[in-house]
Amino acid sequence: SAMFPHAKFLLLIRDARAVLHSIMTRQV
């Protein structure tokens, strides 16, 4: 934000269990 003062940010939040299941089963 300091480097790009006009920037806006989207924080996408997902259930951690779903994220980790995806990471682990797809071996990311």
mmCIF file of all heavy atoms, coordinates in Angstrom:
data_MODEL
# 
_entry.id   MODEL 
# 
loop_
_atom_site.group_PDB 
_atom_site.id 
_atom_site.type_symbol 
_atom_site.label_atom_id 
_atom_site.label_alt_id 
_atom_site.label_comp_id 
_atom_site.label_asym_id 
_atom_site.label_entity_id 
_atom_site.label_seq_id 
_atom_site.pdbx_PDB_ins_code 
_atom_site.Cartn_x 
_atom_site.Cartn_y 
_atom_site.Cartn_z 
_atom_site.occupancy 
_atom_site.B_iso_or_equiv 
_atom_site.pdbx_formal_charge 
_atom_site.auth_seq_id 
_atom_site.auth_comp_id 
_atom_site.auth_asym_id 
_atom_site.auth_atom_id 
_atom_site.pdbx_PDB_model_num 
ATOM 1   N N   . SER A 1 1  ? 0.829   -1.201  0.000  1.00 0.00 ? 1  SER A N   1 
ATOM 2   C CA  . SER A 1 1  ? 0.000   0.000   0.000  1.00 0.00 ? 1  SER A CA  1 
ATOM 3   C C   . SER A 1 1  ? 0.869   1.258   0.000  1.00 0.00 ? 1  SER A C   1 
ATOM 4   O O   . SER A 1 1  ? 0.519   2.255   -0.633 1.00 0.00 ? 1  SER A O   1 
ATOM 5   C CB  . SER A 1 1  ? -0.930  0.006   1.205  1.00 0.00 ? 1  SER A CB  1 
ATOM 6   O OG  . SER A 1 1  ? -1.770  1.125   1.173  1.00 0.00 ? 1  SER A OG  1 
ATOM 7   N N   . ALA A 1 2  ? 1.996   1.211   0.691  1.00 0.00 ? 2  ALA A N   1 
ATOM 8   C CA  . ALA A 1 2  ? 2.916   2.358   0.699  1.00 0.00 ? 2  ALA A CA  1 
ATOM 9   C C   . ALA A 1 2  ? 3.544   2.557   -0.683 1.00 0.00 ? 2  ALA A C   1 
ATOM 10  O O   . ALA A 1 2  ? 3.718   3.686   -1.139 1.00 0.00 ? 2  ALA A O   1 
ATOM 11  C CB  . ALA A 1 2  ? 4.003   2.153   1.749  1.00 0.00 ? 2  ALA A CB  1 
ATOM 12  N N   . MET A 1 3  ? 3.855   1.442   -1.363 1.00 0.00 ? 3  MET A N   1 
ATOM 13  C CA  . MET A 1 3  ? 4.446   1.529   -2.703 1.00 0.00 ? 3  MET A CA  1 
ATOM 14  C C   . MET A 1 3  ? 3.411   1.927   -3.757 1.00 0.00 ? 3  MET A C   1 
ATOM 15  O O   . MET A 1 3  ? 3.734   2.603   -4.727 1.00 0.00 ? 3  MET A O   1 
ATOM 16  C CB  . MET A 1 3  ? 5.068   0.191   -3.093 1.00 0.00 ? 3  MET A CB  1 
ATOM 17  C CG  . MET A 1 3  ? 6.343   -0.125  -2.338 1.00 0.00 ? 3  MET A CG  1 
ATOM 18  S SD  . MET A 1 3  ? 7.233   -1.569  -2.988 1.00 0.00 ? 3  MET A SD  1 
ATOM 19  C CE  . MET A 1 3  ? 6.120   -2.902  -2.616 1.00 0.00 ? 3  MET A CE  1 
ATOM 20  N N   . PHE A 1 4  ? 2.166   1.481   -3.542 1.00 0.00 ? 4  PHE A N   1 
ATOM 21  C CA  . PHE A 1 4  ? 1.079   1.755   -4.487 1.00 0.00 ? 4  PHE A CA  1 
ATOM 22  C C   . PHE A 1 4  ? -0.072  2.393   -3.715 1.00 0.00 ? 4  PHE A C   1 
ATOM 23  O O   . PHE A 1 4  ? -1.040  1.719   -3.343 1.00 0.00 ? 4  PHE A O   1 
ATOM 24  C CB  . PHE A 1 4  ? 0.619   0.460   -5.164 1.00 0.00 ? 4  PHE A CB  1 
ATOM 25  C CG  . PHE A 1 4  ? 1.718   -0.284  -5.859 1.00 0.00 ? 4  PHE A CG  1 
ATOM 26  C CD1 . PHE A 1 4  ? 2.312   -1.388  -5.276 1.00 0.00 ? 4  PHE A CD1 1 
ATOM 27  C CD2 . PHE A 1 4  ? 2.167   0.139   -7.112 1.00 0.00 ? 4  PHE A CD2 1 
ATOM 28  C CE1 . PHE A 1 4  ? 3.326   -2.079  -5.924 1.00 0.00 ? 4  PHE A CE1 1 
ATOM 29  C CE2 . PHE A 1 4  ? 3.185   -0.545  -7.765 1.00 0.00 ? 4  PHE A CE2 1 
ATOM 30  C CZ  . PHE A 1 4  ? 3.767   -1.654  -7.168 1.00 0.00 ? 4  PHE A CZ  1 
ATOM 31  N N   . PRO A 1 5  ? 0.011   3.694   -3.425 1.00 0.00 ? 5  PRO A N   1 
ATOM 32  C CA  . PRO A 1 5  ? -0.951  4.345   -2.528 1.00 0.00 ? 5  PRO A CA  1 
ATOM 33  C C   . PRO A 1 5  ? -2.406  4.335   -3.009 1.00 0.00 ? 5  PRO A C   1 
ATOM 34  O O   . PRO A 1 5  ? -3.309  4.474   -2.202 1.00 0.00 ? 5  PRO A O   1 
ATOM 35  C CB  . PRO A 1 5  ? -0.424  5.775   -2.408 1.00 0.00 ? 5  PRO A CB  1 
ATOM 36  C CG  . PRO A 1 5  ? 0.539   5.955   -3.513 1.00 0.00 ? 5  PRO A CG  1 
ATOM 37  C CD  . PRO A 1 5  ? 1.026   4.608   -3.913 1.00 0.00 ? 5  PRO A CD  1 
ATOM 38  N N   . HIS A 1 6  ? -2.631  4.138   -4.290 1.00 0.00 ? 6  HIS A N   1 
ATOM 39  C CA  . HIS A 1 6  ? -4.000  4.112   -4.798 1.00 0.00 ? 6  HIS A CA  1 
ATOM 40  C C   . HIS A 1 6  ? -4.537  2.688   -4.950 1.00 0.00 ? 6  HIS A C   1 
ATOM 41  O O   . HIS A 1 6  ? -5.660  2.501   -5.425 1.00 0.00 ? 6  HIS A O   1 
ATOM 42  C CB  . HIS A 1 6  ? -4.094  4.849   -6.129 1.00 0.00 ? 6  HIS A CB  1 
ATOM 43  C CG  . HIS A 1 6  ? -3.675  6.281   -6.028 1.00 0.00 ? 6  HIS A CG  1 
ATOM 44  N ND1 . HIS A 1 6  ? -4.373  7.212   -5.290 1.00 0.00 ? 6  HIS A ND1 1 
ATOM 45  C CD2 . HIS A 1 6  ? -2.601  6.933   -6.543 1.00 0.00 ? 6  HIS A CD2 1 
ATOM 46  C CE1 . HIS A 1 6  ? -3.764  8.375   -5.360 1.00 0.00 ? 6  HIS A CE1 1 
ATOM 47  N NE2 . HIS A 1 6  ? -2.674  8.231   -6.108 1.00 0.00 ? 6  HIS A NE2 1 
ATOM 48  N N   . ALA A 1 7  ? -3.742  1.714   -4.555 1.00 0.00 ? 7  ALA A N   1 
ATOM 49  C CA  . ALA A 1 7  ? -4.130  0.308   -4.707 1.00 0.00 ? 7  ALA A CA  1 
ATOM 50  C C   . ALA A 1 7  ? -5.241  -0.063  -3.737 1.00 0.00 ? 7  ALA A C   1 
ATOM 51  O O   . ALA A 1 7  ? -5.361  0.498   -2.643 1.00 0.00 ? 7  ALA A O   1 
ATOM 52  C CB  . ALA A 1 7  ? -2.923  -0.593  -4.471 1.00 0.00 ? 7  ALA A CB  1 
ATOM 53  N N   . LYS A 1 8  ? -6.040  -1.032  -4.165 1.00 0.00 ? 8  LYS A N   1 
ATOM 54  C CA  . LYS A 1 8  ? -7.042  -1.643  -3.293 1.00 0.00 ? 8  LYS A CA  1 
ATOM 55  C C   . LYS A 1 8  ? -6.747  -3.133  -3.259 1.00 0.00 ? 8  LYS A C   1 
ATOM 56  O O   . LYS A 1 8  ? -6.200  -3.699  -4.210 1.00 0.00 ? 8  LYS A O   1 
ATOM 57  C CB  . LYS A 1 8  ? -8.446  -1.380  -3.825 1.00 0.00 ? 8  LYS A CB  1 
ATOM 58  C CG  . LYS A 1 8  ? -8.860  0.066   -3.685 1.00 0.00 ? 8  LYS A CG  1 
ATOM 59  C CD  . LYS A 1 8  ? -10.323 0.225   -4.008 1.00 0.00 ? 8  LYS A CD  1 
ATOM 60  C CE  . LYS A 1 8  ? -10.766 1.655   -3.713 1.00 0.00 ? 8  LYS A CE  1 
ATOM 61  N NZ  . LYS A 1 8  ? -12.222 1.790   -3.886 1.00 0.00 ? 8  LYS A NZ  1 
ATOM 62  N N   . PHE A 1 9  ? -7.124  -3.761  -2.158 1.00 0.00 ? 9  PHE A N   1 
ATOM 63  C CA  . PHE A 1 9  ? -6.781  -5.156  -1.945 1.00 0.00 ? 9  PHE A CA  1 
ATOM 64  C C   . PHE A 1 9  ? -8.029  -5.964  -1.628 1.00 0.00 ? 9  PHE A C   1 
ATOM 65  O O   . PHE A 1 9  ? -8.893  -5.521  -0.876 1.00 0.00 ? 9  PHE A O   1 
ATOM 66  C CB  . PHE A 1 9  ? -5.790  -5.283  -0.785 1.00 0.00 ? 9  PHE A CB  1 
ATOM 67  C CG  . PHE A 1 9  ? -4.507  -4.521  -1.022 1.00 0.00 ? 9  PHE A CG  1 
ATOM 68  C CD1 . PHE A 1 9  ? -4.397  -3.192  -0.637 1.00 0.00 ? 9  PHE A CD1 1 
ATOM 69  C CD2 . PHE A 1 9  ? -3.440  -5.127  -1.642 1.00 0.00 ? 9  PHE A CD2 1 
ATOM 70  C CE1 . PHE A 1 9  ? -3.235  -2.480  -0.865 1.00 0.00 ? 9  PHE A CE1 1 
ATOM 71  C CE2 . PHE A 1 9  ? -2.268  -4.419  -1.875 1.00 0.00 ? 9  PHE A CE2 1 
ATOM 72  C CZ  . PHE A 1 9  ? -2.159  -3.090  -1.481 1.00 0.00 ? 9  PHE A CZ  1 
ATOM 73  N N   . LEU A 1 10 ? -8.090  -7.161  -2.209 1.00 0.00 ? 10 LEU A N   1 
ATOM 74  C CA  . LEU A 1 10 ? -9.130  -8.126  -1.889 1.00 0.00 ? 10 LEU A CA  1 
ATOM 75  C C   . LEU A 1 10 ? -8.454  -9.282  -1.169 1.00 0.00 ? 10 LEU A C   1 
ATOM 76  O O   . LEU A 1 10 ? -7.494  -9.862  -1.686 1.00 0.00 ? 10 LEU A O   1 
ATOM 77  C CB  . LEU A 1 10 ? -9.806  -8.655  -3.153 1.00 0.00 ? 10 LEU A CB  1 
ATOM 78  C CG  . LEU A 1 10 ? -10.613 -7.671  -3.970 1.00 0.00 ? 10 LEU A CG  1 
ATOM 79  C CD1 . LEU A 1 10 ? -11.060 -8.321  -5.272 1.00 0.00 ? 10 LEU A CD1 1 
ATOM 80  C CD2 . LEU A 1 10 ? -11.819 -7.184  -3.191 1.00 0.00 ? 10 LEU A CD2 1 
ATOM 81  N N   . LEU A 1 11 ? -8.949  -9.601  0.002  1.00 0.00 ? 11 LEU A N   1 
ATOM 82  C CA  . LEU A 1 11 ? -8.444  -10.754 0.744  1.00 0.00 ? 11 LEU A CA  1 
ATOM 83  C C   . LEU A 1 11 ? -9.507  -11.833 0.662  1.00 0.00 ? 11 LEU A C   1 
ATOM 84  O O   . LEU A 1 11 ? -10.578 -11.717 1.250  1.00 0.00 ? 11 LEU A O   1 
ATOM 85  C CB  . LEU A 1 11 ? -8.169  -10.384 2.204  1.00 0.00 ? 11 LEU A CB  1 
ATOM 86  C CG  . LEU A 1 11 ? -7.772  -11.538 3.131  1.00 0.00 ? 11 LEU A CG  1 
ATOM 87  C CD1 . LEU A 1 11 ? -6.554  -12.282 2.612  1.00 0.00 ? 11 LEU A CD1 1 
ATOM 88  C CD2 . LEU A 1 11 ? -7.533  -11.023 4.538  1.00 0.00 ? 11 LEU A CD2 1 
ATOM 89  N N   . LEU A 1 12 ? -9.232  -12.866 -0.126 1.00 0.00 ? 12 LEU A N   1 
ATOM 90  C CA  . LEU A 1 12 ? -10.167 -13.974 -0.280 1.00 0.00 ? 12 LEU A CA  1 
ATOM 91  C C   . LEU A 1 12 ? -9.907  -14.964 0.843  1.00 0.00 ? 12 LEU A C   1 
ATOM 92  O O   . LEU A 1 12 ? -8.801  -15.487 0.971  1.00 0.00 ? 12 LEU A O   1 
ATOM 93  C CB  . LEU A 1 12 ? -9.991  -14.633 -1.647 1.00 0.00 ? 12 LEU A CB  1 
ATOM 94  C CG  . LEU A 1 12 ? -11.006 -15.700 -2.000 1.00 0.00 ? 12 LEU A CG  1 
ATOM 95  C CD1 . LEU A 1 12 ? -12.414 -15.096 -2.098 1.00 0.00 ? 12 LEU A CD1 1 
ATOM 96  C CD2 . LEU A 1 12 ? -10.647 -16.367 -3.313 1.00 0.00 ? 12 LEU A CD2 1 
ATOM 97  N N   . ILE A 1 13 ? -10.926 -15.201 1.643  1.00 0.00 ? 13 ILE A N   1 
ATOM 98  C CA  . ILE A 1 13 ? -10.798 -16.092 2.796  1.00 0.00 ? 13 ILE A CA  1 
ATOM 99  C C   . ILE A 1 13 ? -11.626 -17.343 2.537  1.00 0.00 ? 13 ILE A C   1 
ATOM 100 O O   . ILE A 1 13 ? -12.804 -17.258 2.200  1.00 0.00 ? 13 ILE A O   1 
ATOM 101 C CB  . ILE A 1 13 ? -11.287 -15.391 4.081  1.00 0.00 ? 13 ILE A CB  1 
ATOM 102 C CG1 . ILE A 1 13 ? -10.442 -14.141 4.337  1.00 0.00 ? 13 ILE A CG1 1 
ATOM 103 C CG2 . ILE A 1 13 ? -11.224 -16.351 5.271  1.00 0.00 ? 13 ILE A CG2 1 
ATOM 104 C CD1 . ILE A 1 13 ? -10.943 -13.283 5.477  1.00 0.00 ? 13 ILE A CD1 1 
ATOM 105 N N   . ARG A 1 14 ? -10.998 -18.479 2.680  1.00 0.00 ? 14 ARG A N   1 
ATOM 106 C CA  . ARG A 1 14 ? -11.670 -19.762 2.477  1.00 0.00 ? 14 ARG A CA  1 
ATOM 107 C C   . ARG A 1 14 ? -11.437 -20.637 3.693  1.00 0.00 ? 14 ARG A C   1 
ATOM 108 O O   . ARG A 1 14 ? -10.397 -20.533 4.365  1.00 0.00 ? 14 ARG A O   1 
ATOM 109 C CB  . ARG A 1 14 ? -11.108 -20.449 1.228  1.00 0.00 ? 14 ARG A CB  1 
ATOM 110 C CG  . ARG A 1 14 ? -11.829 -21.721 0.870  1.00 0.00 ? 14 ARG A CG  1 
ATOM 111 C CD  . ARG A 1 14 ? -11.311 -22.319 -0.420 1.00 0.00 ? 14 ARG A CD  1 
ATOM 112 N NE  . ARG A 1 14 ? -12.077 -23.500 -0.773 1.00 0.00 ? 14 ARG A NE  1 
ATOM 113 C CZ  . ARG A 1 14 ? -11.705 -24.396 -1.659 1.00 0.00 ? 14 ARG A CZ  1 
ATOM 114 N NH1 . ARG A 1 14 ? -10.571 -24.238 -2.319 1.00 0.00 ? 14 ARG A NH1 1 
ATOM 115 N NH2 . ARG A 1 14 ? -12.454 -25.444 -1.918 1.00 0.00 ? 14 ARG A NH2 1 
ATOM 116 N N   . ASP A 1 15 ? -12.369 -21.519 3.965  1.00 0.00 ? 15 ASP A N   1 
ATOM 117 C CA  . ASP A 1 15 ? -12.231 -22.463 5.067  1.00 0.00 ? 15 ASP A CA  1 
ATOM 118 C C   . ASP A 1 15 ? -10.886 -23.185 4.940  1.00 0.00 ? 15 ASP A C   1 
ATOM 119 O O   . ASP A 1 15 ? -10.588 -23.783 3.898  1.00 0.00 ? 15 ASP A O   1 
ATOM 120 C CB  . ASP A 1 15 ? -13.392 -23.463 5.029  1.00 0.00 ? 15 ASP A CB  1 
ATOM 121 C CG  . ASP A 1 15 ? -13.397 -24.412 6.216  1.00 0.00 ? 15 ASP A CG  1 
ATOM 122 O OD1 . ASP A 1 15 ? -12.365 -25.083 6.459  1.00 0.00 ? 15 ASP A OD1 1 
ATOM 123 O OD2 . ASP A 1 15 ? -14.430 -24.492 6.891  1.00 0.00 ? 15 ASP A OD2 1 
ATOM 124 N N   . ALA A 1 16 ? -10.084 -23.101 5.975  1.00 0.00 ? 16 ALA A N   1 
ATOM 125 C CA  . ALA A 1 16 ? -8.724  -23.660 5.941  1.00 0.00 ? 16 ALA A CA  1 
ATOM 126 C C   . ALA A 1 16 ? -8.717  -25.147 5.633  1.00 0.00 ? 16 ALA A C   1 
ATOM 127 O O   . ALA A 1 16 ? -7.821  -25.640 4.940  1.00 0.00 ? 16 ALA A O   1 
ATOM 128 C CB  . ALA A 1 16 ? -8.020  -23.403 7.268  1.00 0.00 ? 16 ALA A CB  1 
ATOM 129 N N   . ARG A 1 17 ? -9.711  -25.868 6.118  1.00 0.00 ? 17 ARG A N   1 
ATOM 130 C CA  . ARG A 1 17 ? -9.751  -27.314 5.856  1.00 0.00 ? 17 ARG A CA  1 
ATOM 131 C C   . ARG A 1 17 ? -9.874  -27.590 4.364  1.00 0.00 ? 17 ARG A C   1 
ATOM 132 O O   . ARG A 1 17 ? -9.217  -28.489 3.840  1.00 0.00 ? 17 ARG A O   1 
ATOM 133 C CB  . ARG A 1 17 ? -10.909 -27.959 6.623  1.00 0.00 ? 17 ARG A CB  1 
ATOM 134 C CG  . ARG A 1 17 ? -10.737 -27.830 8.145  1.00 0.00 ? 17 ARG A CG  1 
ATOM 135 C CD  . ARG A 1 17 ? -12.011 -28.150 8.862  1.00 0.00 ? 17 ARG A CD  1 
ATOM 136 N NE  . ARG A 1 17 ? -13.035 -27.141 8.505  1.00 0.00 ? 17 ARG A NE  1 
ATOM 137 C CZ  . ARG A 1 17 ? -14.262 -27.121 8.991  1.00 0.00 ? 17 ARG A CZ  1 
ATOM 138 N NH1 . ARG A 1 17 ? -14.646 -28.041 9.855  1.00 0.00 ? 17 ARG A NH1 1 
ATOM 139 N NH2 . ARG A 1 17 ? -15.120 -26.185 8.623  1.00 0.00 ? 17 ARG A NH2 1 
ATOM 140 N N   . ALA A 1 18 ? -10.674 -26.799 3.675  1.00 0.00 ? 18 ALA A N   1 
ATOM 141 C CA  . ALA A 1 18 ? -10.844 -26.979 2.234  1.00 0.00 ? 18 ALA A CA  1 
ATOM 142 C C   . ALA A 1 18 ? -9.565  -26.616 1.490  1.00 0.00 ? 18 ALA A C   1 
ATOM 143 O O   . ALA A 1 18 ? -9.162  -27.306 0.544  1.00 0.00 ? 18 ALA A O   1 
ATOM 144 C CB  . ALA A 1 18 ? -12.019 -26.139 1.733  1.00 0.00 ? 18 ALA A CB  1 
ATOM 145 N N   . VAL A 1 19 ? -8.925  -25.539 1.918  1.00 0.00 ? 19 VAL A N   1 
ATOM 146 C CA  . VAL A 1 19 ? -7.672  -25.116 1.285  1.00 0.00 ? 19 VAL A CA  1 
ATOM 147 C C   . VAL A 1 19 ? -6.625  -26.212 1.419  1.00 0.00 ? 19 VAL A C   1 
ATOM 148 O O   . VAL A 1 19 ? -5.982  -26.608 0.437  1.00 0.00 ? 19 VAL A O   1 
ATOM 149 C CB  . VAL A 1 19 ? -7.137  -23.802 1.922  1.00 0.00 ? 19 VAL A CB  1 
ATOM 150 C CG1 . VAL A 1 19 ? -5.754  -23.482 1.395  1.00 0.00 ? 19 VAL A CG1 1 
ATOM 151 C CG2 . VAL A 1 19 ? -8.086  -22.659 1.672  1.00 0.00 ? 19 VAL A CG2 1 
ATOM 152 N N   . LEU A 1 20 ? -6.462  -26.709 2.630  1.00 0.00 ? 20 LEU A N   1 
ATOM 153 C CA  . LEU A 1 20 ? -5.427  -27.714 2.876  1.00 0.00 ? 20 LEU A CA  1 
ATOM 154 C C   . LEU A 1 20 ? -5.745  -29.031 2.185  1.00 0.00 ? 20 LEU A C   1 
ATOM 155 O O   . LEU A 1 20 ? -4.838  -29.704 1.677  1.00 0.00 ? 20 LEU A O   1 
ATOM 156 C CB  . LEU A 1 20 ? -5.223  -27.907 4.369  1.00 0.00 ? 20 LEU A CB  1 
ATOM 157 C CG  . LEU A 1 20 ? -4.681  -26.652 5.067  1.00 0.00 ? 20 LEU A CG  1 
ATOM 158 C CD1 . LEU A 1 20 ? -4.593  -26.858 6.557  1.00 0.00 ? 20 LEU A CD1 1 
ATOM 159 C CD2 . LEU A 1 20 ? -3.343  -26.235 4.482  1.00 0.00 ? 20 LEU A CD2 1 
ATOM 160 N N   . HIS A 1 21 ? -6.998  -29.400 2.148  1.00 0.00 ? 21 HIS A N   1 
ATOM 161 C CA  . HIS A 1 21 ? -7.377  -30.616 1.415  1.00 0.00 ? 21 HIS A CA  1 
ATOM 162 C C   . HIS A 1 21 ? -6.987  -30.477 -0.047 1.00 0.00 ? 21 HIS A C   1 
ATOM 163 O O   . HIS A 1 21 ? -6.406  -31.399 -0.638 1.00 0.00 ? 21 HIS A O   1 
ATOM 164 C CB  . HIS A 1 21 ? -8.882  -30.870 1.554  1.00 0.00 ? 21 HIS A CB  1 
ATOM 165 C CG  . HIS A 1 21 ? -9.323  -32.089 0.820  1.00 0.00 ? 21 HIS A CG  1 
ATOM 166 N ND1 . HIS A 1 21 ? -9.826  -32.036 -0.461 1.00 0.00 ? 21 HIS A ND1 1 
ATOM 167 C CD2 . HIS A 1 21 ? -9.307  -33.400 1.174  1.00 0.00 ? 21 HIS A CD2 1 
ATOM 168 C CE1 . HIS A 1 21 ? -10.111 -33.258 -0.867 1.00 0.00 ? 21 HIS A CE1 1 
ATOM 169 N NE2 . HIS A 1 21 ? -9.810  -34.102 0.105  1.00 0.00 ? 21 HIS A NE2 1 
ATOM 170 N N   . SER A 1 22 ? -7.259  -29.325 -0.625 1.00 0.00 ? 22 SER A N   1 
ATOM 171 C CA  . SER A 1 22 ? -6.910  -29.075 -2.025 1.00 0.00 ? 22 SER A CA  1 
ATOM 172 C C   . SER A 1 22 ? -5.399  -29.120 -2.227 1.00 0.00 ? 22 SER A C   1 
ATOM 173 O O   . SER A 1 22 ? -4.907  -29.765 -3.163 1.00 0.00 ? 22 SER A O   1 
ATOM 174 C CB  . SER A 1 22 ? -7.465  -27.715 -2.452 1.00 0.00 ? 22 SER A CB  1 
ATOM 175 O OG  . SER A 1 22 ? -7.067  -27.403 -3.762 1.00 0.00 ? 22 SER A OG  1 
ATOM 176 N N   . ILE A 1 23 ? -4.669  -28.444 -1.359 1.00 0.00 ? 23 ILE A N   1 
ATOM 177 C CA  . ILE A 1 23 ? -3.205  -28.409 -1.475 1.00 0.00 ? 23 ILE A CA  1 
ATOM 178 C C   . ILE A 1 23 ? -2.623  -29.815 -1.375 1.00 0.00 ? 23 ILE A C   1 
ATOM 179 O O   . ILE A 1 23 ? -1.788  -30.215 -2.185 1.00 0.00 ? 23 ILE A O   1 
ATOM 180 C CB  . ILE A 1 23 ? -2.592  -27.507 -0.378 1.00 0.00 ? 23 ILE A CB  1 
ATOM 181 C CG1 . ILE A 1 23 ? -2.900  -26.036 -0.665 1.00 0.00 ? 23 ILE A CG1 1 
ATOM 182 C CG2 . ILE A 1 23 ? -1.085  -27.728 -0.258 1.00 0.00 ? 23 ILE A CG2 1 
ATOM 183 C CD1 . ILE A 1 23 ? -2.562  -25.108 0.485  1.00 0.00 ? 23 ILE A CD1 1 
ATOM 184 N N   . MET A 1 24 ? -3.089  -30.550 -0.385 1.00 0.00 ? 24 MET A N   1 
ATOM 185 C CA  . MET A 1 24 ? -2.503  -31.860 -0.117 1.00 0.00 ? 24 MET A CA  1 
ATOM 186 C C   . MET A 1 24 ? -2.911  -32.913 -1.144 1.00 0.00 ? 24 MET A C   1 
ATOM 187 O O   . MET A 1 24 ? -2.083  -33.724 -1.553 1.00 0.00 ? 24 MET A O   1 
ATOM 188 C CB  . MET A 1 24 ? -2.830  -32.289 1.309  1.00 0.00 ? 24 MET A CB  1 
ATOM 189 C CG  . MET A 1 24 ? -2.149  -31.384 2.347  1.00 0.00 ? 24 MET A CG  1 
ATOM 190 S SD  . MET A 1 24 ? -2.686  -31.650 4.031  1.00 0.00 ? 24 MET A SD  1 
ATOM 191 C CE  . MET A 1 24 ? -1.792  -33.150 4.410  1.00 0.00 ? 24 MET A CE  1 
ATOM 192 N N   . THR A 1 25 ? -4.165  -32.923 -1.584 1.00 0.00 ? 25 THR A N   1 
ATOM 193 C CA  . THR A 1 25 ? -4.582  -33.939 -2.555 1.00 0.00 ? 25 THR A CA  1 
ATOM 194 C C   . THR A 1 25 ? -4.040  -33.654 -3.950 1.00 0.00 ? 25 THR A C   1 
ATOM 195 O O   . THR A 1 25 ? -3.752  -34.580 -4.702 1.00 0.00 ? 25 THR A O   1 
ATOM 196 C CB  . THR A 1 25 ? -6.121  -34.076 -2.615 1.00 0.00 ? 25 THR A CB  1 
ATOM 197 O OG1 . THR A 1 25 ? -6.703  -32.817 -2.935 1.00 0.00 ? 25 THR A OG1 1 
ATOM 198 C CG2 . THR A 1 25 ? -6.675  -34.607 -1.316 1.00 0.00 ? 25 THR A CG2 1 
ATOM 199 N N   . ARG A 1 26 ? -3.875  -32.372 -4.273 1.00 0.00 ? 26 ARG A N   1 
ATOM 200 C CA  . ARG A 1 26 ? -3.303  -32.019 -5.578 1.00 0.00 ? 26 ARG A CA  1 
ATOM 201 C C   . ARG A 1 26 ? -1.784  -31.946 -5.531 1.00 0.00 ? 26 ARG A C   1 
ATOM 202 O O   . ARG A 1 26 ? -1.144  -31.699 -6.545 1.00 0.00 ? 26 ARG A O   1 
ATOM 203 C CB  . ARG A 1 26 ? -3.894  -30.696 -6.077 1.00 0.00 ? 26 ARG A CB  1 
ATOM 204 C CG  . ARG A 1 26 ? -5.380  -30.799 -6.380 1.00 0.00 ? 26 ARG A CG  1 
ATOM 205 C CD  . ARG A 1 26 ? -5.991  -29.511 -6.914 1.00 0.00 ? 26 ARG A CD  1 
ATOM 206 N NE  . ARG A 1 26 ? -5.572  -28.329 -6.189 1.00 0.00 ? 26 ARG A NE  1 
ATOM 207 C CZ  . ARG A 1 26 ? -5.013  -27.253 -6.757 1.00 0.00 ? 26 ARG A CZ  1 
ATOM 208 N NH1 . ARG A 1 26 ? -4.811  -27.205 -8.041 1.00 0.00 ? 26 ARG A NH1 1 
ATOM 209 N NH2 . ARG A 1 26 ? -4.665  -26.219 -6.032 1.00 0.00 ? 26 ARG A NH2 1 
ATOM 210 N N   . GLN A 1 27 ? -1.222  -32.127 -4.343 1.00 0.00 ? 27 GLN A N   1 
ATOM 211 C CA  . GLN A 1 27 ? 0.228   -32.112 -4.112 1.00 0.00 ? 27 GLN A CA  1 
ATOM 212 C C   . GLN A 1 27 ? 0.874   -30.813 -4.603 1.00 0.00 ? 27 GLN A C   1 
ATOM 213 O O   . GLN A 1 27 ? 1.884   -30.811 -5.297 1.00 0.00 ? 27 GLN A O   1 
ATOM 214 C CB  . GLN A 1 27 ? 0.895   -33.337 -4.731 1.00 0.00 ? 27 GLN A CB  1 
ATOM 215 C CG  . GLN A 1 27 ? 0.395   -34.622 -4.120 1.00 0.00 ? 27 GLN A CG  1 
ATOM 216 C CD  . GLN A 1 27 ? 1.168   -35.836 -4.564 1.00 0.00 ? 27 GLN A CD  1 
ATOM 217 O OE1 . GLN A 1 27 ? 1.978   -35.786 -5.480 1.00 0.00 ? 27 GLN A OE1 1 
ATOM 218 N NE2 . GLN A 1 27 ? 0.929   -36.948 -3.894 1.00 0.00 ? 27 GLN A NE2 1 
ATOM 219 N N   . VAL A 1 28 ? 0.260   -29.693 -4.180 1.00 0.00 ? 28 VAL A N   1 
ATOM 220 C CA  . VAL A 1 28 ? 0.787   -28.370 -4.493 1.00 0.00 ? 28 VAL A CA  1 
ATOM 221 C C   . VAL A 1 28 ? 1.863   -28.046 -3.467 1.00 0.00 ? 28 VAL A C   1 
ATOM 222 O O   . VAL A 1 28 ? 1.622   -28.139 -2.265 1.00 0.00 ? 28 VAL A O   1 
ATOM 223 C CB  . VAL A 1 28 ? -0.336  -27.308 -4.434 1.00 0.00 ? 28 VAL A CB  1 
ATOM 224 C CG1 . VAL A 1 28 ? 0.219   -25.913 -4.649 1.00 0.00 ? 28 VAL A CG1 1 
ATOM 225 C CG2 . VAL A 1 28 ? -1.425  -27.627 -5.446 1.00 0.00 ? 28 VAL A CG2 1 
# 
